[in-house]
Amino acid sequence: MSVTISSKLPSVGTTIFTKINGISQQYNAINLGQGFPDFPMDERLVALTNKAMKDGHNQYVHGNGLPALREVLADKINHLYGSKVSSTDEITVTPGATYALYTAITTIIQPGDEVIIFEPAYDSYVPNIEINGGVVVPISLEFPHYNINWEEVKQKVTAQTRAIMINSPHNPTGAILRDADMQELIAITRDTNIVVISDEVYEHLVYDGRKQVSVLSYPELYERSFVCFSFGKTYSCTGWKLGYSVAPAALMAEFRKVHQYNCFTCFAPAQYALAEFIPEKSYEKLAADLQERKDFFAGEMTSSRFKALPSYGTYFQLYSYDTISSENEYDFAVRVIKEAGVAAIPVSSFYKTKEEHSVLRFCFSKGKDLLGEAAGRLRKL
């Protein structure tokens, strides 16, 4: 008799990324679907990592992260956001930001707890909540600027609301939160037991003169928050799968209870390298480089029939195709692969309700030759 199990995620199938990547490979398409750079990471950081390995830093480091790295991160947070956090009690290094988000959710969610998310949303949020027995309460961002309707948030908050998840700069839309949004969130959560989980992995990828607004800059908000970051996005090394979470000591103590039995420690050589590299502040140059790529792709797409939507952050630019086709987003994305040889992600895939606005997500963190070729193909549609 074969063994059967009761799935904890019965509605989860193959991810949209796997589907689109598979079709993209079949048609030898240019893949602007997944969010990763195709250009090399900083040679200095590579050299420091190699040096760390050669110097023998290849064994376990502290489970919460190399102390020297956590000290550097605390200094960086103070420098950027004016917040003094304890490197000992409030920062934990994790194997990627997605893991940090999952651990934060697992730390606080009990069966039946409600979690408000804003859609379109990064695809790990919903399964992370549901596998912990939580109830997803989706709120659609207002198209086409993808702003939060805070009146709707107030209406959706109940006695069962345990957490609100925010993401800025926002994947997949490129929208960013403003001070006014943070003030609304503070007012809604004040005198409640609601926890805020803030996904800030694209903190340094903010464009067009805008500035990152972090939970870490708001003491009243931070006291109830987990804030999650990514080294991979900041240093163009997504394959490293290294990130970190920041939270007040009491929340972080509970986070670490979950963390210690899932990931005893993270890759040591990279932590030694980052501890030395971060103070050089190379992250201050990142936005200008990606802005140039974003603007280049936008310029190449101007004469196409695609229409760019407002985007102020991340690796991504959304384009509307409503003047090209009335097809649903998935079917049109597949047709673009087959007929134009370019892969993009249908934004409806980031909605639990599969909401449709005739929009595809393109990744511009690529070389200009590739972006130019992709845009040339798209202009023919």
Protein backbone atom coordinates (compact mmCIF):
# COMPACT_ATOMS: atom_id res chain seq x y z
CA MET A 1 0.00 0.00 0.00
CA SER A 2 1.42 3.37 -0.98
CA VAL A 3 1.78 6.12 1.57
CA THR A 4 -0.50 9.14 1.28
CA ILE A 5 -0.27 12.50 2.98
CA SER A 6 -2.71 15.32 3.48
CA SER A 7 -1.25 18.33 1.71
CA LYS A 8 -0.68 21.45 3.78
CA LEU A 9 -0.84 23.48 0.56
CA PRO A 10 -3.51 21.71 -1.50
CA SER A 11 -4.10 24.67 -3.81
CA VAL A 12 -0.43 25.22 -4.63
CA GLY A 13 0.87 23.93 -7.95
CA THR A 14 3.80 24.79 -10.19
CA THR A 15 4.93 28.40 -9.79
CA ILE A 16 4.44 30.88 -12.59
CA PHE A 17 8.22 31.28 -12.78
CA THR A 18 8.73 27.59 -13.48
CA LYS A 19 6.00 27.64 -16.13
CA ILE A 20 7.26 30.75 -17.90
CA ASN A 21 10.90 29.64 -17.69
CA GLY A 22 10.02 26.27 -19.19
CA ILE A 23 8.17 27.83 -22.13
CA SER A 24 10.94 30.42 -22.52
CA GLN A 25 13.58 27.69 -22.85
CA GLN A 26 11.43 25.78 -25.32
CA TYR A 27 11.30 28.80 -27.64
CA ASN A 28 14.82 30.05 -26.86
CA ALA A 29 13.36 33.37 -25.69
CA ILE A 30 15.06 36.27 -23.94
CA ASN A 31 14.05 35.81 -20.32
CA LEU A 32 12.99 39.06 -18.66
CA GLY A 33 10.81 37.13 -16.23
CA GLN A 34 12.77 36.37 -13.07
CA GLY A 35 14.41 39.10 -11.01
CA PHE A 36 18.14 38.58 -11.12
CA PRO A 37 21.02 40.48 -12.75
CA ASP A 38 22.92 39.03 -15.67
CA PHE A 39 25.97 41.18 -14.92
CA PRO A 40 28.78 40.25 -12.49
CA MET A 41 28.81 41.19 -8.84
CA ASP A 42 31.50 43.50 -7.45
CA GLU A 43 34.97 41.98 -7.93
CA ARG A 44 36.06 43.39 -4.57
CA LEU A 45 33.36 41.39 -2.78
CA VAL A 46 34.31 38.28 -4.74
CA ALA A 47 37.94 38.76 -3.72
CA LEU A 48 37.02 39.26 -0.06
CA THR A 49 34.95 36.07 -0.10
CA ASN A 50 37.81 34.12 -1.67
CA LYS A 51 40.18 35.57 0.91
CA ALA A 52 37.87 34.54 3.74
CA MET A 53 37.87 30.96 2.48
CA LYS A 54 41.64 30.91 2.05
CA ASP A 55 42.05 32.39 5.53
CA GLY A 56 40.17 29.42 6.94
CA HIS A 57 36.80 31.03 7.71
CA ASN A 58 34.92 27.95 6.56
CA GLN A 59 33.39 26.63 9.77
CA TYR A 60 30.22 27.54 11.64
CA VAL A 61 29.71 31.10 12.70
CA HIS A 62 27.23 32.18 15.35
CA GLY A 63 23.70 31.02 14.54
CA ASN A 64 22.40 34.59 14.66
CA GLY A 65 25.08 35.74 12.24
CA LEU A 66 28.73 36.70 12.46
CA PRO A 67 28.92 39.30 15.27
CA ALA A 68 31.14 41.59 13.18
CA LEU A 69 28.58 41.52 10.36
CA ARG A 70 25.70 42.30 12.69
CA GLU A 71 27.66 45.23 14.12
CA VAL A 72 28.24 46.60 10.62
CA LEU A 73 24.54 46.21 9.81
CA ALA A 74 23.56 48.08 12.98
CA ASP A 75 25.86 50.94 11.93
CA LYS A 76 24.36 50.93 8.43
CA ILE A 77 20.79 51.06 9.79
CA ASN A 78 21.70 54.00 12.00
CA HIS A 79 23.38 55.76 9.08
CA LEU A 80 20.46 55.28 6.67
CA TYR A 81 17.41 55.41 8.90
CA GLY A 82 18.51 57.09 12.13
CA SER A 83 17.54 54.03 14.15
CA LYS A 84 19.80 52.57 16.80
CA VAL A 85 19.28 48.81 16.93
CA SER A 86 21.19 46.26 18.98
CA SER A 87 23.50 44.09 16.89
CA THR A 88 23.30 41.48 19.63
CA ASP A 89 19.55 41.30 20.19
CA GLU A 90 17.78 42.76 17.14
CA ILE A 91 19.52 41.45 13.99
CA THR A 92 19.60 37.88 12.67
CA VAL A 93 21.36 36.78 9.47
CA THR A 94 19.25 34.38 7.41
CA PRO A 95 19.56 32.23 4.26
CA GLY A 96 17.76 34.81 2.15
CA ALA A 97 14.99 37.33 2.69
CA THR A 98 12.25 34.88 1.67
CA TYR A 99 13.37 32.66 4.56
CA ALA A 100 13.32 35.70 6.87
CA LEU A 101 9.74 36.46 5.83
CA TYR A 102 8.68 32.84 6.35
CA THR A 103 10.30 32.71 9.77
CA ALA A 104 8.64 35.97 10.85
CA ILE A 105 5.26 34.62 9.77
CA THR A 106 5.85 31.26 11.46
CA THR A 107 6.92 33.03 14.65
CA ILE A 108 3.66 34.90 15.13
CA ILE A 109 0.84 33.13 13.26
CA GLN A 110 -1.46 30.70 15.04
CA PRO A 111 -4.28 28.79 13.26
CA GLY A 112 -7.12 31.16 12.45
CA ASP A 113 -5.06 34.35 12.68
CA GLU A 114 -5.74 36.82 9.86
CA VAL A 115 -2.96 38.45 7.87
CA ILE A 116 -3.63 41.43 5.62
CA ILE A 117 -1.57 41.48 2.43
CA PHE A 118 -1.62 43.85 -0.53
CA GLU A 119 -1.99 42.41 -3.99
CA PRO A 120 -0.34 41.91 -6.37
CA ALA A 121 2.02 40.35 -3.82
CA TYR A 122 5.34 38.51 -3.84
CA ASP A 123 4.37 34.90 -4.39
CA SER A 124 5.66 33.44 -1.12
CA TYR A 125 3.35 35.45 1.14
CA VAL A 126 0.14 33.47 0.68
CA PRO A 127 1.59 29.93 1.05
CA ASN A 128 3.74 31.07 4.00
CA ILE A 129 0.62 32.26 5.81
CA GLU A 130 -1.55 29.30 4.87
CA ILE A 131 0.97 26.61 5.81
CA ASN A 132 0.94 28.10 9.32
CA GLY A 133 -2.85 27.91 9.51
CA GLY A 134 -3.31 31.64 8.95
CA VAL A 135 -6.09 33.26 6.95
CA VAL A 136 -5.03 35.53 4.09
CA VAL A 137 -6.99 38.78 3.84
CA PRO A 138 -6.06 40.26 0.43
CA ILE A 139 -6.52 43.93 -0.41
CA SER A 140 -5.97 45.00 -4.01
CA LEU A 141 -3.68 47.95 -4.61
CA GLU A 142 -5.37 50.68 -6.62
CA PHE A 143 -4.56 50.34 -10.31
CA PRO A 144 -2.65 51.82 -12.16
CA HIS A 145 -0.49 53.51 -9.49
CA TYR A 146 -0.83 50.61 -7.06
CA ASN A 147 -1.52 52.77 -4.03
CA ILE A 148 -2.94 51.42 -0.76
CA ASN A 149 -6.54 52.28 0.04
CA TRP A 150 -6.20 52.82 3.77
CA GLU A 151 -9.93 53.16 4.31
CA GLU A 152 -10.32 49.61 3.03
CA VAL A 153 -7.54 48.49 5.36
CA LYS A 154 -9.42 49.94 8.32
CA GLN A 155 -12.53 48.06 7.23
CA LYS A 156 -10.64 44.76 6.91
CA VAL A 157 -8.98 44.92 10.34
CA THR A 158 -10.77 42.64 12.81
CA ALA A 159 -10.18 41.16 16.24
CA GLN A 160 -8.48 38.26 14.43
CA THR A 161 -6.00 40.45 12.54
CA ARG A 162 -2.54 39.36 13.68
CA ALA A 163 -0.32 40.93 11.05
CA ILE A 164 -0.15 43.35 8.14
CA MET A 165 2.48 42.70 5.47
CA ILE A 166 3.94 45.59 3.52
CA ASN A 167 6.52 45.65 0.75
CA SER A 168 8.40 48.74 -0.42
CA PRO A 169 9.86 49.09 -2.98
CA HIS A 170 7.10 46.82 -4.14
CA ASN A 171 7.52 43.63 -6.13
CA PRO A 172 6.04 43.25 -8.72
CA THR A 173 4.81 46.82 -9.36
CA GLY A 174 7.75 49.06 -8.46
CA ALA A 175 5.49 51.25 -6.28
CA ILE A 176 6.98 52.77 -3.13
CA LEU A 177 5.41 53.78 0.15
CA ARG A 178 5.50 57.38 1.36
CA ASP A 179 5.56 58.99 4.79
CA ALA A 180 1.79 59.43 4.58
CA ASP A 181 1.40 55.66 4.19
CA MET A 182 3.51 55.02 7.26
CA GLN A 183 1.46 57.49 9.27
CA GLU A 184 -1.72 55.67 8.25
CA LEU A 185 -0.20 52.34 9.25
CA ILE A 186 0.90 53.74 12.61
CA ALA A 187 -2.61 55.03 13.29
CA ILE A 188 -4.25 51.73 12.34
CA THR A 189 -1.94 49.56 14.45
CA ARG A 190 -1.66 51.86 17.48
CA ASP A 191 -2.96 50.23 20.69
CA THR A 192 -3.44 46.88 18.93
CA ASN A 193 -1.63 43.55 19.00
CA ILE A 194 -1.01 43.68 15.23
CA VAL A 195 2.49 42.86 14.00
CA VAL A 196 3.89 44.50 10.86
CA ILE A 197 6.07 42.42 8.54
CA SER A 198 7.95 44.74 6.21
CA ASP A 199 9.64 43.35 3.09
CA GLU A 200 12.36 45.86 2.18
CA VAL A 201 14.66 43.74 0.04
CA TYR A 202 14.87 46.41 -2.69
CA GLU A 203 15.73 49.19 -0.23
CA HIS A 204 18.57 50.53 -2.41
CA LEU A 205 16.75 50.27 -5.72
CA VAL A 206 14.71 53.48 -5.68
CA TYR A 207 14.57 55.74 -8.74
CA ASP A 208 13.52 59.08 -10.17
CA GLY A 209 14.65 61.10 -7.16
CA ARG A 210 12.43 59.20 -4.72
CA LYS A 211 13.70 58.03 -1.33
CA GLN A 212 13.23 54.77 0.51
CA VAL A 213 10.84 55.06 3.44
CA SER A 214 11.64 52.32 5.94
CA VAL A 215 9.78 51.04 8.97
CA LEU A 216 13.10 51.46 10.76
CA SER A 217 12.70 55.25 10.63
CA TYR A 218 9.46 55.13 12.66
CA PRO A 219 10.05 54.07 16.28
CA GLU A 220 6.36 53.54 17.05
CA LEU A 221 6.01 51.29 14.02
CA TYR A 222 9.31 49.47 14.50
CA GLU A 223 8.36 48.38 18.02
CA ARG A 224 5.82 45.98 16.46
CA SER A 225 7.70 45.01 13.29
CA PHE A 226 9.91 42.47 11.59
CA VAL A 227 11.88 44.11 8.75
CA CYS A 228 13.48 41.83 6.16
CA PHE A 229 16.40 42.56 3.84
CA SER A 230 18.44 40.85 1.11
CA PHE A 231 22.18 40.87 0.49
CA GLY A 232 21.53 39.20 -2.86
CA LYS A 233 19.54 42.14 -4.23
CA THR A 234 21.90 44.73 -2.78
CA TYR A 235 25.12 43.16 -4.05
CA SER A 236 23.88 41.49 -7.26
CA CYS A 237 24.48 37.98 -5.94
CA THR A 238 21.00 36.50 -5.68
CA GLY A 239 22.42 32.98 -5.75
CA TRP A 240 24.08 33.53 -2.38
CA LYS A 241 20.65 33.41 -0.67
CA LEU A 242 21.72 35.57 2.24
CA GLY A 243 19.60 38.15 4.00
CA TYR A 244 18.70 39.34 7.47
CA SER A 245 15.81 40.30 9.68
CA VAL A 246 15.62 43.19 12.13
CA ALA A 247 13.10 43.34 14.98
CA PRO A 248 12.83 44.58 18.58
CA ALA A 249 14.54 42.25 21.06
CA ALA A 250 11.35 40.60 22.36
CA LEU A 251 10.13 39.77 18.85
CA MET A 252 13.58 38.72 17.68
CA ALA A 253 13.96 36.33 20.62
CA GLU A 254 10.89 34.44 19.39
CA PHE A 255 12.08 34.61 15.76
CA ARG A 256 15.36 33.00 16.81
CA LYS A 257 13.55 30.11 18.49
CA VAL A 258 12.14 29.15 15.10
CA HIS A 259 15.31 30.04 13.19
CA GLN A 260 17.73 27.97 15.25
CA TYR A 261 16.09 24.66 14.33
CA ASN A 262 15.67 25.40 10.64
CA CYS A 263 19.02 26.96 9.88
CA PHE A 264 21.75 26.50 12.43
CA THR A 265 23.96 29.02 10.65
CA CYS A 266 24.53 30.65 7.25
CA PHE A 267 27.44 30.54 4.79
CA ALA A 268 30.44 31.76 6.75
CA PRO A 269 32.92 33.10 4.16
CA ALA A 270 30.38 35.52 2.69
CA GLN A 271 29.59 36.89 6.16
CA TYR A 272 33.25 37.67 6.80
CA ALA A 273 33.47 39.31 3.38
CA LEU A 274 30.31 41.38 3.87
CA ALA A 275 31.47 42.57 7.28
CA GLU A 276 34.46 44.16 5.57
CA PHE A 277 32.70 45.25 2.37
CA ILE A 278 29.49 46.90 3.63
CA PRO A 279 31.25 49.92 5.24
CA GLU A 280 32.57 50.84 1.78
CA LYS A 281 28.94 51.81 0.94
CA SER A 282 28.91 50.52 -2.60
CA TYR A 283 25.14 50.27 -2.22
CA GLU A 284 24.97 54.03 -2.66
CA LYS A 285 25.85 53.59 -6.36
CA LEU A 286 23.40 50.79 -7.07
CA ALA A 287 20.31 52.87 -7.84
CA ALA A 288 22.10 55.02 -10.42
CA ASP A 289 23.29 51.95 -12.31
CA LEU A 290 19.84 50.32 -12.35
CA GLN A 291 18.14 53.65 -13.16
CA GLU A 292 20.27 53.80 -16.32
CA ARG A 293 19.15 50.31 -17.34
CA LYS A 294 15.53 51.10 -16.51
CA ASP A 295 15.61 54.31 -18.57
CA PHE A 296 17.37 52.59 -21.45
CA PHE A 297 14.73 49.87 -21.65
CA ALA A 298 11.95 52.45 -21.36
CA GLY A 299 13.47 54.45 -24.21
CA GLU A 300 13.72 51.37 -26.40
CA MET A 301 10.09 50.51 -25.62
CA THR A 302 8.71 53.99 -26.42
CA SER A 303 7.91 53.13 -30.01
CA SER A 304 6.27 49.84 -29.06
CA ARG A 305 2.56 49.43 -28.38
CA PHE A 306 3.25 48.63 -24.74
CA LYS A 307 2.56 51.39 -22.20
CA ALA A 308 4.82 51.77 -19.16
CA LEU A 309 3.10 52.10 -15.80
CA PRO A 310 4.59 54.19 -12.95
CA SER A 311 7.55 52.39 -11.36
CA TYR A 312 9.93 53.86 -8.80
CA GLY A 313 11.83 50.87 -7.48
CA THR A 314 12.95 47.21 -7.73
CA TYR A 315 14.26 45.37 -10.81
CA PHE A 316 10.89 45.55 -12.52
CA GLN A 317 8.82 47.65 -14.87
CA LEU A 318 5.17 46.92 -15.56
CA TYR A 319 3.82 47.43 -19.07
CA SER A 320 0.18 47.51 -20.12
CA TYR A 321 -0.74 45.77 -23.37
CA ASP A 322 -4.39 46.87 -23.46
CA THR A 323 -3.95 48.46 -26.90
CA ILE A 324 -2.46 45.26 -28.29
CA SER A 325 -4.73 42.45 -27.10
CA SER A 326 -7.75 41.57 -24.97
CA GLU A 327 -6.25 38.20 -24.03
CA ASN A 328 -5.84 37.32 -20.38
CA GLU A 329 -2.37 37.97 -18.99
CA TYR A 330 -1.13 34.39 -18.94
CA ASP A 331 -2.23 33.63 -22.48
CA PHE A 332 -0.74 36.88 -23.76
CA ALA A 333 2.55 36.23 -21.92
CA VAL A 334 2.78 32.83 -23.61
CA ARG A 335 2.02 34.39 -27.01
CA VAL A 336 4.74 36.99 -26.47
CA ILE A 337 7.22 34.17 -25.83
CA LYS A 338 6.15 32.26 -28.92
CA GLU A 339 5.81 35.18 -31.32
CA ALA A 340 8.33 37.72 -30.03
CA GLY A 341 10.79 35.51 -28.20
CA VAL A 342 10.64 37.48 -24.94
CA ALA A 343 9.52 36.11 -21.57
CA ALA A 344 7.69 38.24 -18.99
CA ILE A 345 5.50 37.46 -16.00
CA PRO A 346 1.71 37.99 -16.00
CA VAL A 347 0.93 40.21 -13.01
CA SER A 348 -2.35 38.35 -12.38
CA SER A 349 -0.16 35.54 -11.03
CA PHE A 350 0.63 37.72 -8.03
CA TYR A 351 -3.04 37.88 -6.99
CA LYS A 352 -4.81 35.23 -4.94
CA THR A 353 -7.92 36.24 -6.90
CA LYS A 354 -6.06 36.31 -10.26
CA GLU A 355 -7.14 39.92 -10.89
CA GLU A 356 -6.56 41.04 -14.48
CA HIS A 357 -5.42 44.46 -15.76
CA SER A 358 -3.67 43.48 -19.04
CA VAL A 359 -0.22 43.99 -17.51
CA LEU A 360 3.09 42.11 -17.78
CA ARG A 361 6.16 42.45 -15.56
CA PHE A 362 9.56 42.85 -17.24
CA CYS A 363 12.91 42.65 -15.44
CA PHE A 364 15.40 45.33 -16.53
CA SER A 365 18.39 44.28 -14.38
CA LYS A 366 20.12 43.02 -17.52
CA GLY A 367 22.79 44.16 -19.94
CA LYS A 368 21.83 46.86 -22.43
CA ASP A 369 22.48 44.62 -25.42
CA LEU A 370 19.98 42.10 -24.12
CA LEU A 371 17.46 44.79 -23.19
CA GLY A 372 17.81 46.40 -26.59
CA GLU A 373 17.30 43.12 -28.39
CA ALA A 374 14.26 42.29 -26.24
CA ALA A 375 12.69 45.70 -26.87
CA GLY A 376 13.32 45.33 -30.60
CA ARG A 377 11.41 42.07 -30.63
CA LEU A 378 8.56 43.55 -28.58
CA ARG A 379 8.23 46.49 -30.95
CA LYS A 380 7.16 44.05 -33.67
CA LEU A 381 4.04 42.97 -31.78
